[in-house]
């Protein structure tokens, strides 16, 4: 795996961690443990993901997130709690994948991975804010299920073809930014509807008395 493929794999994996950190960790760890992913020398730092304790914790997190993500109020609280956890996880995954000996590369990969995960998380949370506002539960369940399928599919693609996965990840980054902006406008409209601006009082001075 050359340098371009390593960077592409790190970018796409970090972005997916902003959606489903536990699922990404679990699938990657299981694939390594059972030999579906043969790690080259550059990726030996990721061996820790195949540890039984890491797999067990990731499995519990995946199970909890699968159901929490389907309930509107719980999903909003879950996203709020993971506003720090997902970017940190994406940063650590990126750092482990690149595993560069140069400290400058290590810092760059850590920041880039964290930034990608943060943008993905913000886009997910922003989009789900709009969906969670719907009184019926079916749209929330449908969107959450699509996120599960998309994360699993893109993760498999990232392992098989990192370049293609990175291109899709770049598109998803722009989509995430657009969703954040869309959510902010929607929230502003709701707040303006709940607290409409007060009309300005008429400050026109009274007419002066006629002079003799």
Protein backbone atom coordinates (compact mmCIF):
# COMPACT_ATOMS: atom_id res chain seq x y z
CA UNK A 1 0.00 0.00 0.00
CA UNK A 2 1.65 3.22 -1.16
CA UNK A 3 1.56 6.62 0.53
CA UNK A 4 -1.42 7.86 -1.50
CA UNK A 5 -3.47 4.79 -0.62
CA UNK A 6 -2.52 5.13 3.04
CA UNK A 7 -3.67 8.75 3.13
CA UNK A 8 -6.87 7.82 1.26
CA UNK A 9 -7.59 4.99 3.71
CA UNK A 10 -6.95 7.26 6.68
CA UNK A 11 -9.21 9.98 5.29
CA UNK A 12 -12.14 7.72 4.50
CA UNK A 13 -11.88 5.77 7.77
CA UNK A 14 -11.70 8.95 9.83
CA UNK A 15 -14.73 10.35 8.06
CA UNK A 16 -16.73 7.18 8.71
CA UNK A 17 -15.70 7.33 12.36
CA UNK A 18 -17.58 10.63 12.53
CA UNK A 19 -20.74 8.65 11.73
CA UNK A 20 -20.23 5.29 13.41
CA UNK A 21 -17.02 5.16 15.43
CA UNK A 22 -17.85 1.93 17.24
CA UNK A 23 -18.96 0.12 14.09
CA UNK A 24 -15.81 1.14 12.22
CA UNK A 25 -13.63 -0.02 15.11
CA UNK A 26 -15.54 -3.31 15.49
CA UNK A 27 -15.54 -4.28 11.81
CA UNK A 28 -11.88 -3.36 11.33
CA UNK A 29 -10.87 -5.25 14.47
CA UNK A 30 -12.81 -8.40 13.52
CA UNK A 31 -11.43 -8.31 9.97
CA UNK A 32 -7.90 -8.21 11.37
CA UNK A 33 -8.52 -10.87 14.02
CA UNK A 34 -9.88 -13.43 11.56
CA UNK A 35 -7.39 -12.64 8.82
CA UNK A 36 -9.72 -10.95 6.34
CA UNK A 37 -7.42 -7.94 6.37
CA UNK A 38 -3.74 -8.71 6.02
CA UNK A 39 -1.92 -5.75 7.49
CA UNK A 40 1.19 -4.56 5.68
CA UNK A 41 4.15 -3.42 7.73
CA UNK A 42 2.96 0.21 7.68
CA UNK A 43 -0.33 -0.70 9.41
CA UNK A 44 0.99 -2.85 12.27
CA UNK A 45 -0.02 -0.09 14.71
CA UNK A 46 -3.63 -1.05 14.04
CA UNK A 47 -3.11 -4.49 15.63
CA UNK A 48 -4.53 -3.05 18.83
CA UNK A 49 -7.98 -3.03 17.19
CA UNK A 50 -7.92 -6.84 17.09
CA UNK A 51 -7.51 -7.01 20.87
CA UNK A 52 -10.38 -8.88 22.52
CA UNK A 53 -11.05 -6.06 24.98
CA UNK A 54 -11.17 -3.47 22.20
CA UNK A 55 -13.50 -5.67 20.13
CA UNK A 56 -15.75 -6.28 23.12
CA UNK A 57 -16.04 -2.57 23.99
CA UNK A 58 -16.62 -1.70 20.33
CA UNK A 59 -19.33 -4.39 20.12
CA UNK A 60 -21.13 -2.96 23.16
CA UNK A 61 -20.85 0.55 21.73
CA UNK A 62 -22.14 -0.61 18.34
CA UNK A 63 -25.11 -2.39 19.93
CA UNK A 64 -25.99 0.64 22.07
CA UNK A 65 -25.56 3.11 19.19
CA UNK A 66 -27.70 1.01 16.84
CA UNK A 67 -30.74 1.41 19.07
CA UNK A 68 -29.96 4.87 20.45
CA UNK A 69 -29.69 6.21 16.92
CA UNK A 70 -33.24 5.13 16.12
CA UNK A 71 -34.91 7.18 18.90
CA UNK A 72 -35.09 10.92 18.23
CA UNK A 73 -34.45 12.33 21.70
CA UNK A 74 -31.86 9.68 22.59
CA UNK A 75 -30.09 10.24 19.26
CA UNK A 76 -29.77 13.98 19.90
CA UNK A 77 -28.31 13.34 23.36
CA UNK A 78 -26.01 10.62 21.96
CA UNK A 79 -24.67 12.97 19.28
CA UNK A 80 -24.08 15.68 21.87
CA UNK A 81 -22.05 13.31 24.08
CA UNK A 82 -20.03 12.05 21.11
CA UNK A 83 -19.22 15.51 19.79
CA UNK A 84 -15.75 15.03 21.31
CA UNK A 85 -15.39 11.23 21.23
CA UNK A 86 -15.90 10.75 17.48
CA UNK A 87 -13.36 13.38 16.34
CA UNK A 88 -10.80 12.01 18.81
CA UNK A 89 -11.42 8.46 17.58
CA UNK A 90 -11.09 9.57 13.95
CA UNK A 91 -7.84 11.34 14.76
CA UNK A 92 -6.39 8.28 16.48
CA UNK A 93 -7.44 5.98 13.62
CA UNK A 94 -5.79 8.30 11.09
CA UNK A 95 -2.62 8.48 13.18
CA UNK A 96 -2.46 4.69 13.49
CA UNK A 97 -3.02 4.14 9.75
CA UNK A 98 -0.44 6.66 8.53
CA UNK A 99 2.06 5.68 11.27
CA UNK A 100 4.68 8.03 9.90
CA UNK A 101 8.07 8.30 11.57
CA UNK A 102 8.19 12.04 10.95
CA UNK A 103 6.55 13.96 13.84
CA UNK A 104 5.25 16.53 11.36
CA UNK A 105 3.37 13.79 9.49
CA UNK A 106 2.03 12.43 12.77
CA UNK A 107 0.62 15.82 13.78
CA UNK A 108 -0.79 16.42 10.28
CA UNK A 109 -2.50 13.02 10.15
CA UNK A 110 -3.89 13.45 13.67
CA UNK A 111 -5.34 16.87 12.87
CA UNK A 112 -6.63 15.82 9.44
CA UNK A 113 -8.29 12.69 10.84
CA UNK A 114 -9.88 14.62 13.68
CA UNK A 115 -11.06 17.33 11.32
CA UNK A 116 -12.62 14.83 8.91
CA UNK A 117 -14.42 13.05 11.75
CA UNK A 118 -15.57 16.37 13.21
CA UNK A 119 -17.04 17.55 9.89
CA UNK A 120 -18.78 14.20 9.37
CA UNK A 121 -20.14 14.25 12.92
CA UNK A 122 -21.35 17.84 12.56
CA UNK A 123 -23.07 17.01 9.26
CA UNK A 124 -24.72 13.92 10.76
CA UNK A 125 -25.86 15.78 13.87
CA UNK A 126 -27.13 18.69 11.78
CA UNK A 127 -29.10 16.47 9.43
CA UNK A 128 -30.52 14.43 12.28
CA UNK A 129 -31.59 17.61 14.05
CA UNK A 130 -33.96 18.25 11.15
CA UNK A 131 -35.14 14.62 11.02
CA UNK A 132 -35.57 14.34 14.79
CA UNK A 133 -37.91 17.33 14.75
CA UNK A 134 -40.46 15.21 12.87
CA UNK A 135 -43.19 13.91 15.24
CA UNK A 136 -43.39 10.49 13.55
CA UNK A 137 -40.58 7.96 14.27
CA UNK A 138 -40.34 6.27 10.87
CA UNK A 139 -38.20 8.89 9.10
CA UNK A 140 -35.67 8.80 11.94
CA UNK A 141 -35.45 5.00 11.79
CA UNK A 142 -35.11 5.06 7.98
CA UNK A 143 -32.32 7.66 8.00
CA UNK A 144 -30.46 5.85 10.78
CA UNK A 145 -30.67 2.54 8.91
CA UNK A 146 -29.33 4.18 5.74
CA UNK A 147 -26.41 5.54 7.77
CA UNK A 148 -25.67 2.02 9.06
CA UNK A 149 -25.69 0.57 5.54
CA UNK A 150 -23.65 3.43 4.05
CA UNK A 151 -21.02 3.17 6.80
CA UNK A 152 -20.63 -0.59 6.35
CA UNK A 153 -20.47 -0.35 2.57
CA UNK A 154 -17.96 2.50 2.50
CA UNK A 155 -15.80 0.79 5.11
CA UNK A 156 -15.62 -2.34 2.95
CA UNK A 157 -14.79 -0.17 -0.06
CA UNK A 158 -12.11 1.67 1.92
CA UNK A 159 -10.37 -1.63 2.70
CA UNK A 160 -10.67 -2.91 -0.88
CA UNK A 161 -10.08 0.36 -2.78
CA UNK A 162 -8.91 3.27 -0.60
CA UNK A 163 -8.72 5.75 -3.50
CA UNK A 164 -12.37 5.24 -4.51
CA UNK A 165 -13.45 5.42 -0.89
CA UNK A 166 -11.53 8.67 -0.40
CA UNK A 167 -13.23 10.24 -3.42
CA UNK A 168 -16.62 9.30 -2.01
CA UNK A 169 -15.49 10.58 1.38
CA UNK A 170 -14.61 13.95 -0.16
CA UNK A 171 -18.11 14.20 -1.62
CA UNK A 172 -19.57 13.33 1.76
CA UNK A 173 -17.48 16.06 3.42
CA UNK A 174 -19.04 18.70 1.16
CA UNK A 175 -22.45 17.16 1.75
CA UNK A 176 -21.85 17.30 5.50
CA UNK A 177 -20.94 20.99 5.34
CA UNK A 178 -24.07 21.67 3.31
CA UNK A 179 -26.19 19.80 5.85
CA UNK A 180 -24.69 21.82 8.72
CA UNK A 181 -25.55 25.09 6.96
CA UNK A 182 -29.04 23.80 6.15
CA UNK A 183 -29.62 22.78 9.76
CA UNK A 184 -28.47 26.16 11.07
CA UNK A 185 -30.91 27.97 8.80
CA UNK A 186 -33.74 25.65 9.83
CA UNK A 187 -33.00 26.14 13.52
CA UNK A 188 -32.87 29.91 13.03
CA UNK A 189 -36.28 29.84 11.32
CA UNK A 190 -37.74 27.80 14.17
CA UNK A 191 -36.31 30.16 16.77
CA UNK A 192 -37.64 33.18 14.88
CA UNK A 193 -41.06 31.52 14.75
CA UNK A 194 -41.06 30.80 18.48
CA UNK A 195 -39.65 34.22 19.40
CA UNK A 196 -40.73 36.64 16.67
CA UNK A 197 -38.96 39.99 16.72
CA UNK A 198 -40.91 42.71 18.45
CA UNK A 199 -42.22 45.46 16.15
CA UNK A 200 -40.50 48.78 16.58
CA UNK A 201 -42.54 51.44 18.30
CA UNK A 202 -43.60 54.49 16.31
CA UNK A 203 -41.28 57.24 17.46
CA UNK A 204 -42.64 59.91 15.14
CA UNK A 205 -42.71 63.18 17.11
CA UNK A 206 -46.13 64.75 17.65
CA UNK A 207 -47.01 67.67 15.38
CA UNK A 208 -45.95 71.01 16.77
CA UNK A 209 -48.57 73.52 17.85
CA UNK A 210 -49.37 76.20 15.27
CA UNK A 211 -47.71 79.52 15.90
CA UNK A 212 -49.74 82.73 16.22
